[in-house]
PDB file of N, CA and C in Angstrom:
ATOM      1  N   MET A   1      39.021  24.377  53.897  1.00  0.00           N
ATOM      2  CA  MET A   1      39.282  25.807  53.803  1.00  0.00           C
ATOM      3  C   MET A   1      39.677  26.319  55.179  1.00  0.00           C
ATOM      4  N   ASP A   2      40.733  27.126  55.243  1.00  0.00           N
ATOM      5  CA  ASP A   2      41.209  27.674  56.496  1.00  0.00           C
ATOM      6  C   ASP A   2      40.620  29.061  56.698  1.00  0.00           C
ATOM      7  N   ALA A   3      39.536  29.138  57.453  1.00  0.00           N
ATOM      8  CA  ALA A   3      38.825  30.402  57.643  1.00  0.00           C
ATOM      9  C   ALA A   3      39.606  31.375  58.520  1.00  0.00           C
ATOM     10  N   THR A   4      40.637  30.889  59.208  1.00  0.00           N
ATOM     11  CA  THR A   4      41.392  31.771  60.093  1.00  0.00           C
ATOM     12  C   THR A   4      42.454  32.573  59.345  1.00  0.00           C
ATOM     13  N   LYS A   5      42.782  32.211  58.144  1.00  0.00           N
ATOM     14  CA  LYS A   5      43.808  32.912  57.370  1.00  0.00           C
ATOM     15  C   LYS A   5      43.159  33.695  56.234  1.00  0.00           C
ATOM     16  N   PRO A   6      43.371  35.005  56.211  1.00  0.00           N
ATOM     17  CA  PRO A   6      42.803  35.805  55.117  1.00  0.00           C
ATOM     18  C   PRO A   6      43.525  35.552  53.803  1.00  0.00           C
ATOM     19  N   GLY A   7      42.850  35.857  52.720  1.00  0.00           N
ATOM     20  CA  GLY A   7      43.416  35.650  51.392  1.00  0.00           C
ATOM     21  C   GLY A   7      44.641  36.488  51.119  1.00  0.00           C
ATOM     22  N   TYR A   8      44.832  37.559  51.862  1.00  0.00           N
ATOM     23  CA  TYR A   8      45.964  38.452  51.625  1.00  0.00           C
ATOM     24  C   TYR A   8      47.200  38.099  52.454  1.00  0.00           C
ATOM     25  N   ILE A   9      47.161  37.000  53.184  1.00  0.00           N
ATOM     26  CA  ILE A   9      48.230  36.676  54.131  1.00  0.00           C
ATOM     27  C   ILE A   9      49.615  36.676  53.473  1.00  0.00           C
ATOM     28  N   ALA A  10      49.712  36.208  52.237  1.00  0.00           N
ATOM     29  CA  ALA A  10      51.006  36.164  51.560  1.00  0.00           C
ATOM     30  C   ALA A  10      51.509  37.557  51.193  1.00  0.00           C
ATOM     31  N   SER A  11      50.603  38.524  51.111  1.00  0.00           N
ATOM     32  CA  SER A  11      50.956  39.897  50.730  1.00  0.00           C
ATOM     33  C   SER A  11      50.840  40.869  51.901  1.00  0.00           C
ATOM     34  N   LYS A  12      50.726  40.350  53.094  1.00  0.00           N
ATOM     35  CA  LYS A  12      50.445  41.184  54.257  1.00  0.00           C
ATOM     36  C   LYS A  12      51.450  42.327  54.418  1.00  0.00           C
ATOM     37  N   ASP A  13      52.731  42.038  54.312  1.00  0.00           N
ATOM     38  CA  ASP A  13      53.743  43.083  54.484  1.00  0.00           C
ATOM     39  C   ASP A  13      53.614  44.173  53.427  1.00  0.00           C
ATOM     40  N   ALA A  14      53.380  43.780  52.194  1.00  0.00           N
ATOM     41  CA  ALA A  14      53.211  44.759  51.117  1.00  0.00           C
ATOM     42  C   ALA A  14      51.957  45.601  51.352  1.00  0.00           C
ATOM     43  N   HIS A  15      50.895  44.969  51.830  1.00  0.00           N
ATOM     44  CA  HIS A  15      49.659  45.700  52.111  1.00  0.00           C
ATOM     45  C   HIS A  15      49.870  46.712  53.232  1.00  0.00           C
ATOM     46  N   LEU A  16      50.561  46.283  54.278  1.00  0.00           N
ATOM     47  CA  LEU A  16      50.833  47.203  55.383  1.00  0.00           C
ATOM     48  C   LEU A  16      51.675  48.389  54.912  1.00  0.00           C
ATOM     49  N   LYS A  17      52.618  48.121  54.042  1.00  0.00           N
ATOM     50  CA  LYS A  17      53.452  49.201  53.496  1.00  0.00           C
ATOM     51  C   LYS A  17      52.588  50.203  52.726  1.00  0.00           C
ATOM     52  N   ARG A  18      51.680  49.689  51.904  1.00  0.00           N
ATOM     53  CA  ARG A  18      50.771  50.575  51.143  1.00  0.00           C
ATOM     54  C   ARG A  18      49.888  51.389  52.073  1.00  0.00           C
ATOM     55  N   LEU A  19      49.355  50.742  53.102  1.00  0.00           N
ATOM     56  CA  LEU A  19      48.480  51.447  54.037  1.00  0.00           C
ATOM     57  C   LEU A  19      49.249  52.505  54.836  1.00  0.00           C
ATOM     58  N   ARG A  20      50.483  52.222  55.164  1.00  0.00           N
ATOM     59  CA  ARG A  20      51.300  53.231  55.852  1.00  0.00           C
ATOM     60  C   ARG A  20      51.557  54.431  54.943  1.00  0.00           C
ATOM     61  N   ARG A  21      51.713  54.173  53.665  1.00  0.00           N
ATOM     62  CA  ARG A  21      51.897  55.263  52.704  1.00  0.00           C
ATOM     63  C   ARG A  21      50.627  56.126  52.633  1.00  0.00           C
ATOM     64  N   VAL A  22      49.461  55.478  52.619  1.00  0.00           N
ATOM     65  CA  VAL A  22      48.193  56.214  52.617  1.00  0.00           C
ATOM     66  C   VAL A  22      48.058  57.009  53.920  1.00  0.00           C
ATOM     67  N   GLU A  23      48.416  56.382  55.016  1.00  0.00           N
ATOM     68  CA  GLU A  23      48.363  57.076  56.303  1.00  0.00           C
ATOM     69  C   GLU A  23      49.241  58.328  56.266  1.00  0.00           C
ATOM     70  N   GLY A  24      50.399  58.216  55.651  1.00  0.00           N
ATOM     71  CA  GLY A  24      51.279  59.366  55.502  1.00  0.00           C
ATOM     72  C   GLY A  24      50.633  60.462  54.660  1.00  0.00           C
ATOM     73  N   GLN A  25      49.916  60.051  53.619  1.00  0.00           N
ATOM     74  CA  GLN A  25      49.223  61.027  52.785  1.00  0.00           C
ATOM     75  C   GLN A  25      48.149  61.765  53.592  1.00  0.00           C
ATOM     76  N   VAL A  26      47.422  61.037  54.427  1.00  0.00           N
ATOM     77  CA  VAL A  26      46.373  61.658  55.230  1.00  0.00           C
ATOM     78  C   VAL A  26      46.988  62.588  56.273  1.00  0.00           C
ATOM     79  N   ARG A  27      48.081  62.180  56.865  1.00  0.00           N
ATOM     80  CA  ARG A  27      48.766  63.068  57.814  1.00  0.00           C
ATOM     81  C   ARG A  27      49.260  64.321  57.088  1.00  0.00           C
ATOM     82  N   GLY A  28      49.708  64.152  55.862  1.00  0.00           N
ATOM     83  CA  GLY A  28      50.117  65.301  55.062  1.00  0.00           C
ATOM     84  C   GLY A  28      48.955  66.255  54.819  1.00  0.00           C
ATOM     85  N   LEU A  29      47.774  65.690  54.606  1.00  0.00           N
ATOM     86  CA  LEU A  29      46.574  66.517  54.445  1.00  0.00           C
ATOM     87  C   LEU A  29      46.307  67.333  55.712  1.00  0.00           C
ATOM     88  N   GLN A  30      46.458  66.691  56.856  1.00  0.00           N
ATOM     89  CA  GLN A  30      46.254  67.401  58.117  1.00  0.00           C
ATOM     90  C   GLN A  30      47.231  68.572  58.228  1.00  0.00           C
ATOM     91  N   ARG A  31      48.488  68.315  57.888  1.00  0.00           N
ATOM     92  CA  ARG A  31      49.493  69.386  57.945  1.00  0.00           C
ATOM     93  C   ARG A  31      49.156  70.510  56.978  1.00  0.00           C
ATOM     94  N   MET A  32      48.661  70.143  55.788  1.00  0.00           N
ATOM     95  CA  MET A  32      48.292  71.155  54.802  1.00  0.00           C
ATOM     96  C   MET A  32      47.185  72.060  55.343  1.00  0.00           C
ATOM     97  N   VAL A  33      46.184  71.457  55.959  1.00  0.00           N
ATOM     98  CA  VAL A  33      45.073  72.244  56.500  1.00  0.00           C
ATOM     99  C   VAL A  33      45.569  73.101  57.671  1.00  0.00           C
ATOM    100  N   GLU A  34      46.398  72.504  58.535  1.00  0.00           N
ATOM    101  CA  GLU A  34      46.945  73.271  59.665  1.00  0.00           C
ATOM    102  C   GLU A  34      47.736  74.487  59.195  1.00  0.00           C
ATOM    103  N   SER A  35      48.404  74.357  58.056  1.00  0.00           N
ATOM    104  CA  SER A  35      49.232  75.462  57.554  1.00  0.00           C
ATOM    105  C   SER A  35      48.501  76.324  56.531  1.00  0.00           C
ATOM    106  N   ASP A  36      47.183  76.156  56.449  1.00  0.00           N
ATOM    107  CA  ASP A  36      46.345  76.993  55.578  1.00  0.00           C
ATOM    108  C   ASP A  36      46.743  76.914  54.104  1.00  0.00           C
ATOM    109  N   THR A  37      47.020  75.715  53.638  1.00  0.00           N
ATOM    110  CA  THR A  37      47.365  75.502  52.234  1.00  0.00           C
ATOM    111  C   THR A  37      46.152  75.784  51.354  1.00  0.00           C
ATOM    112  N   TYR A  38      46.397  76.291  50.179  1.00  0.00           N
ATOM    113  CA  TYR A  38      45.351  76.624  49.210  1.00  0.00           C
ATOM    114  C   TYR A  38      44.449  75.418  48.961  1.00  0.00           C
ATOM    115  N   CYS A  39      43.160  75.670  48.903  1.00  0.00           N
ATOM    116  CA  CYS A  39      42.132  74.609  48.801  1.00  0.00           C
ATOM    117  C   CYS A  39      42.402  73.618  47.672  1.00  0.00           C
ATOM    118  N   ILE A  40      42.736  74.117  46.502  1.00  0.00           N
ATOM    119  CA  ILE A  40      42.929  73.242  45.341  1.00  0.00           C
ATOM    120  C   ILE A  40      44.098  72.294  45.562  1.00  0.00           C
ATOM    121  N   GLU A  41      45.139  72.757  46.209  1.00  0.00           N
ATOM    122  CA  GLU A  41      46.276  71.880  46.510  1.00  0.00           C
ATOM    123  C   GLU A  41      45.858  70.771  47.480  1.00  0.00           C
ATOM    124  N   VAL A  42      45.045  71.114  48.466  1.00  0.00           N
ATOM    125  CA  VAL A  42      44.557  70.112  49.417  1.00  0.00           C
ATOM    126  C   VAL A  42      43.672  69.107  48.689  1.00  0.00           C
ATOM    127  N   LEU A  43      42.772  69.605  47.844  1.00  0.00           N
ATOM    128  CA  LEU A  43      41.886  68.715  47.089  1.00  0.00           C
ATOM    129  C   LEU A  43      42.664  67.776  46.178  1.00  0.00           C
ATOM    130  N   THR A  44      43.744  68.257  45.601  1.00  0.00           N
ATOM    131  CA  THR A  44      44.585  67.409  44.755  1.00  0.00           C
ATOM    132  C   THR A  44      45.153  66.256  45.573  1.00  0.00           C
ATOM    133  N   GLN A  45      45.581  66.547  46.790  1.00  0.00           N
ATOM    134  CA  GLN A  45      46.135  65.497  47.649  1.00  0.00           C
ATOM    135  C   GLN A  45      45.048  64.565  48.168  1.00  0.00           C
ATOM    136  N   VAL A  46      43.847  65.084  48.400  1.00  0.00           N
ATOM    137  CA  VAL A  46      42.714  64.228  48.783  1.00  0.00           C
ATOM    138  C   VAL A  46      42.443  63.223  47.669  1.00  0.00           C
ATOM    139  N   SER A  47      42.476  63.701  46.435  1.00  0.00           N
ATOM    140  CA  SER A  47      42.249  62.827  45.287  1.00  0.00           C
ATOM    141  C   SER A  47      43.306  61.726  45.224  1.00  0.00           C
ATOM    142  N   ALA A  48      44.553  62.082  45.467  1.00  0.00           N
ATOM    143  CA  ALA A  48      45.635  61.086  45.434  1.00  0.00           C
ATOM    144  C   ALA A  48      45.448  60.046  46.534  1.00  0.00           C
ATOM    145  N   ALA A  49      45.081  60.470  47.734  1.00  0.00           N
ATOM    146  CA  ALA A  49      44.868  59.531  48.835  1.00  0.00           C
ATOM    147  C   ALA A  49      43.676  58.623  48.550  1.00  0.00           C
ATOM    148  N   THR A  50      42.630  59.199  47.980  1.00  0.00           N
ATOM    149  CA  THR A  50      41.441  58.415  47.624  1.00  0.00           C
ATOM    150  C   THR A  50      41.793  57.349  46.594  1.00  0.00           C
ATOM    151  N   ARG A  51      42.543  57.736  45.561  1.00  0.00           N
ATOM    152  CA  ARG A  51      42.952  56.759  44.536  1.00  0.00           C
ATOM    153  C   ARG A  51      43.812  55.657  45.137  1.00  0.00           C
ATOM    154  N   ALA A  52      44.686  56.008  46.070  1.00  0.00           N
ATOM    155  CA  ALA A  52      45.538  55.003  46.710  1.00  0.00           C
ATOM    156  C   ALA A  52      44.694  54.009  47.498  1.00  0.00           C
ATOM    157  N   LEU A  53      43.696  54.481  48.219  1.00  0.00           N
ATOM    158  CA  LEU A  53      42.814  53.573  48.966  1.00  0.00           C
ATOM    159  C   LEU A  53      41.976  52.717  48.027  1.00  0.00           C
ATOM    160  N   GLU A  54      41.489  53.309  46.936  1.00  0.00           N
ATOM    161  CA  GLU A  54      40.709  52.539  45.965  1.00  0.00           C
ATOM    162  C   GLU A  54      41.562  51.445  45.339  1.00  0.00           C
ATOM    163  N   SER A  55      42.797  51.766  45.033  1.00  0.00           N
ATOM    164  CA  SER A  55      43.711  50.787  44.464  1.00  0.00           C
ATOM    165  C   SER A  55      43.949  49.638  45.442  1.00  0.00           C
ATOM    166  N   PHE A  56      44.140  49.978  46.699  1.00  0.00           N
ATOM    167  CA  PHE A  56      44.319  48.964  47.735  1.00  0.00           C
ATOM    168  C   PHE A  56      43.078  48.084  47.839  1.00  0.00           C
ATOM    169  N   ALA A  57      41.910  48.712  47.834  1.00  0.00           N
ATOM    170  CA  ALA A  57      40.657  47.955  47.950  1.00  0.00           C
ATOM    171  C   ALA A  57      40.495  46.973  46.793  1.00  0.00           C
ATOM    172  N   LEU A  58      40.814  47.401  45.587  1.00  0.00           N
ATOM    173  CA  LEU A  58      40.687  46.507  44.429  1.00  0.00           C
ATOM    174  C   LEU A  58      41.660  45.341  44.512  1.00  0.00           C
ATOM    175  N   LEU A  59      42.864  45.606  44.973  1.00  0.00           N
ATOM    176  CA  LEU A  59      43.848  44.537  45.144  1.00  0.00           C
ATOM    177  C   LEU A  59      43.368  43.537  46.189  1.00  0.00           C
ATOM    178  N   LEU A  60      42.862  44.041  47.291  1.00  0.00           N
ATOM    179  CA  LEU A  60      42.357  43.171  48.350  1.00  0.00           C
ATOM    180  C   LEU A  60      41.160  42.356  47.867  1.00  0.00           C
ATOM    181  N   LEU A  61      40.286  42.986  47.103  1.00  0.00           N
ATOM    182  CA  LEU A  61      39.132  42.276  46.541  1.00  0.00           C
ATOM    183  C   LEU A  61      39.587  41.160  45.608  1.00  0.00           C
ATOM    184  N   ASP A  62      40.568  41.451  44.781  1.00  0.00           N
ATOM    185  CA  ASP A  62      41.093  40.436  43.870  1.00  0.00           C
ATOM    186  C   ASP A  62      41.648  39.244  44.647  1.00  0.00           C
ATOM    187  N   GLU A  63      42.379  39.524  45.715  1.00  0.00           N
ATOM    188  CA  GLU A  63      42.916  38.427  46.533  1.00  0.00           C
ATOM    189  C   GLU A  63      41.794  37.658  47.218  1.00  0.00           C
ATOM    190  N   HIS A  64      40.768  38.355  47.649  1.00  0.00           N
ATOM    191  CA  HIS A  64      39.635  37.679  48.292  1.00  0.00           C
ATOM    192  C   HIS A  64      38.956  36.732  47.299  1.00  0.00           C
ATOM    193  N   LEU A  65      38.739  37.229  46.083  1.00  0.00           N
ATOM    194  CA  LEU A  65      38.094  36.385  45.076  1.00  0.00           C
ATOM    195  C   LEU A  65      38.951  35.178  44.725  1.00  0.00           C
ATOM    196  N   SER A  66      40.236  35.400  44.553  1.00  0.00           N
ATOM    197  CA  SER A  66      41.102  34.301  44.112  1.00  0.00           C
ATOM    198  C   SER A  66      41.431  33.318  45.232  1.00  0.00           C
ATOM    199  N   HIS A  67      41.263  33.713  46.472  1.00  0.00           N
ATOM    200  CA  HIS A  67      41.578  32.816  47.578  1.00  0.00           C
ATOM    201  C   HIS A  67      40.306  32.357  48.301  1.00  0.00           C
ATOM    202  N   CYS A  68      39.672  33.267  48.998  1.00  0.00           N
ATOM    203  CA  CYS A  68      38.531  32.913  49.855  1.00  0.00           C
ATOM    204  C   CYS A  68      37.332  32.397  49.062  1.00  0.00           C
ATOM    205  N   VAL A  69      36.969  33.135  48.021  1.00  0.00           N
ATOM    206  CA  VAL A  69      35.793  32.736  47.244  1.00  0.00           C
ATOM    207  C   VAL A  69      36.084  31.456  46.463  1.00  0.00           C
ATOM    208  N   THR A  70      37.247  31.369  45.874  1.00  0.00           N
ATOM    209  CA  THR A  70      37.607  30.168  45.118  1.00  0.00           C
ATOM    210  C   THR A  70      37.587  28.925  46.012  1.00  0.00           C
ATOM    211  N   GLU A  71      38.139  29.040  47.219  1.00  0.00           N
ATOM    212  CA  GLU A  71      38.117  27.899  48.142  1.00  0.00           C
ATOM    213  C   GLU A  71      36.682  27.559  48.556  1.00  0.00           C
ATOM    214  N   ALA A  72      35.872  28.572  48.780  1.00  0.00           N
ATOM    215  CA  ALA A  72      34.488  28.327  49.184  1.00  0.00           C
ATOM    216  C   ALA A  72      33.707  27.638  48.079  1.00  0.00           C
ATOM    217  N   ILE A  73      33.973  27.998  46.843  1.00  0.00           N
ATOM    218  CA  ILE A  73      33.303  27.343  45.717  1.00  0.00           C
ATOM    219  C   ILE A  73      33.695  25.867  45.679  1.00  0.00           C
ATOM    220  N   GLY A  74      34.953  25.592  46.011  1.00  0.00           N
ATOM    221  CA  GLY A  74      35.395  24.199  46.079  1.00  0.00           C
ATOM    222  C   GLY A  74      34.649  23.408  47.131  1.00  0.00           C
ATOM    223  N   VAL A  75      34.327  24.056  48.241  1.00  0.00           N
ATOM    224  CA  VAL A  75      33.566  23.411  49.310  1.00  0.00           C
ATOM    225  C   VAL A  75      32.107  23.265  48.891  1.00  0.00           C
ATOM    226  N   GLY A  76      31.587  24.322  48.243  1.00  0.00           N
ATOM    227  CA  GLY A  76      30.218  24.291  47.739  1.00  0.00           C
ATOM    228  C   GLY A  76      29.182  24.619  48.793  1.00  0.00           C
ATOM    229  N   GLY A  77      27.941  24.435  48.423  1.00  0.00           N
ATOM    230  CA  GLY A  77      26.817  24.617  49.338  1.00  0.00           C
ATOM    231  C   GLY A  77      26.684  26.020  49.882  1.00  0.00           C
ATOM    232  N   ASP A  78      26.260  26.082  51.157  1.00  0.00           N
ATOM    233  CA  ASP A  78      26.033  27.369  51.820  1.00  0.00           C
ATOM    234  C   ASP A  78      27.318  28.183  51.950  1.00  0.00           C
ATOM    235  N   THR A  79      28.434  27.510  52.115  1.00  0.00           N
ATOM    236  CA  THR A  79      29.711  28.205  52.241  1.00  0.00           C
ATOM    237  C   THR A  79      29.997  29.022  50.986  1.00  0.00           C
ATOM    238  N   ALA A  80      29.829  28.408  49.841  1.00  0.00           N
ATOM    239  CA  ALA A  80      30.067  29.101  48.577  1.00  0.00           C
ATOM    240  C   ALA A  80      29.079  30.241  48.394  1.00  0.00           C
ATOM    241  N   GLU A  81      27.821  29.969  48.662  1.00  0.00           N
ATOM    242  CA  GLU A  81      26.792  30.992  48.494  1.00  0.00           C
ATOM    243  C   GLU A  81      27.071  32.200  49.390  1.00  0.00           C
ATOM    244  N   THR A  82      27.482  31.953  50.619  1.00  0.00           N
ATOM    245  CA  THR A  82      27.788  33.035  51.557  1.00  0.00           C
ATOM    246  C   THR A  82      28.951  33.881  51.062  1.00  0.00           C
ATOM    247  N   LYS A  83      30.027  33.236  50.631  1.00  0.00           N
ATOM    248  CA  LYS A  83      31.207  33.976  50.164  1.00  0.00           C
ATOM    249  C   LYS A  83      30.896  34.779  48.905  1.00  0.00           C
ATOM    250  N   ILE A  84      30.112  34.233  48.024  1.00  0.00           N
ATOM    251  CA  ILE A  84      29.745  34.960  46.798  1.00  0.00           C
ATOM    252  C   ILE A  84      28.898  36.177  47.145  1.00  0.00           C
ATOM    253  N   LYS A  85      27.952  36.017  48.071  1.00  0.00           N
ATOM    254  CA  LYS A  85      27.123  37.147  48.499  1.00  0.00           C
ATOM    255  C   LYS A  85      27.981  38.223  49.170  1.00  0.00           C
ATOM    256  N   GLU A  86      28.921  37.804  50.007  1.00  0.00           N
ATOM    257  CA  GLU A  86      29.820  38.763  50.651  1.00  0.00           C
ATOM    258  C   GLU A  86      30.621  39.549  49.611  1.00  0.00           C
ATOM    259  N   ALA A  87      31.153  38.838  48.636  1.00  0.00           N
ATOM    260  CA  ALA A  87      31.948  39.490  47.585  1.00  0.00           C
ATOM    261  C   ALA A  87      31.084  40.452  46.775  1.00  0.00           C
ATOM    262  N   SER A  88      29.875  40.042  46.451  1.00  0.00           N
ATOM    263  CA  SER A  88      28.972  40.918  45.701  1.00  0.00           C
ATOM    264  C   SER A  88      28.656  42.181  46.488  1.00  0.00           C
ATOM    265  N   ALA A  89      28.420  42.040  47.781  1.00  0.00           N
ATOM    266  CA  ALA A  89      28.129  43.200  48.628  1.00  0.00           C
ATOM    267  C   ALA A  89      29.344  44.123  48.712  1.00  0.00           C
ATOM    268  N   ALA A  90      30.527  43.543  48.808  1.00  0.00           N
ATOM    269  CA  ALA A  90      31.748  44.352  48.857  1.00  0.00           C
ATOM    270  C   ALA A  90      31.949  45.118  47.562  1.00  0.00           C
ATOM    271  N   ILE A  91      31.699  44.466  46.452  1.00  0.00           N
ATOM    272  CA  ILE A  91      31.819  45.121  45.143  1.00  0.00           C
ATOM    273  C   ILE A  91      30.805  46.267  45.041  1.00  0.00           C
ATOM    274  N   ALA A  92      29.593  46.029  45.498  1.00  0.00           N
ATOM    275  CA  ALA A  92      28.568  47.074  45.463  1.00  0.00           C
ATOM    276  C   ALA A  92      28.985  48.273  46.307  1.00  0.00           C
ATOM    277  N   ARG A  93      29.571  48.038  47.477  1.00  0.00           N
ATOM    278  CA  ARG A  93      30.038  49.141  48.329  1.00  0.00           C
ATOM    279  C   ARG A  93      31.151  49.915  47.628  1.00  0.00           C
ATOM    280  N   LEU A  94      32.054  49.218  46.969  1.00  0.00           N
ATOM    281  CA  LEU A  94      33.151  49.891  46.275  1.00  0.00           C
ATOM    282  C   LEU A  94      32.637  50.729  45.113  1.00  0.00           C
ATOM    283  N   VAL A  95      31.659  50.218  44.406  1.00  0.00           N
ATOM    284  CA  VAL A  95      31.113  50.938  43.255  1.00  0.00           C
ATOM    285  C   VAL A  95      30.373  52.190  43.723  1.00  0.00           C
ATOM    286  N   ARG A  96      29.678  52.100  44.839  1.00  0.00           N
ATOM    287  CA  ARG A  96      28.923  53.253  45.357  1.00  0.00           C
ATOM    288  C   ARG A  96      29.820  54.306  45.965  1.00  0.00           C
ATOM    289  N   SER A  97      30.995  53.923  46.406  1.00  0.00           N
ATOM    290  CA  SER A  97      31.858  54.891  47.104  1.00  0.00           C
ATOM    291  C   SER A  97      32.528  55.872  46.170  1.00  0.00           C
TER     292      SER A  97
END
């Protein structure tokens, strides 16, 4: 298992593009607040940015499970147990957020 390469390496450019889009949404929120935009309009955009980040997180989690965790299970032992615990903790954080 190559621990130096993340599971998302093949999708890195697409991920960066998505994150730049989210960054643009957050900058848009800043502009909305600076220009005294109506609260409900700002909240609508907050919801859109939140959904975009959640979508990104789920995609990244899926890649982690299919790459990092799957490879660790192949290795077995403590490596597998560690990766499964990490994934479970990440899922718990996503569910609580």
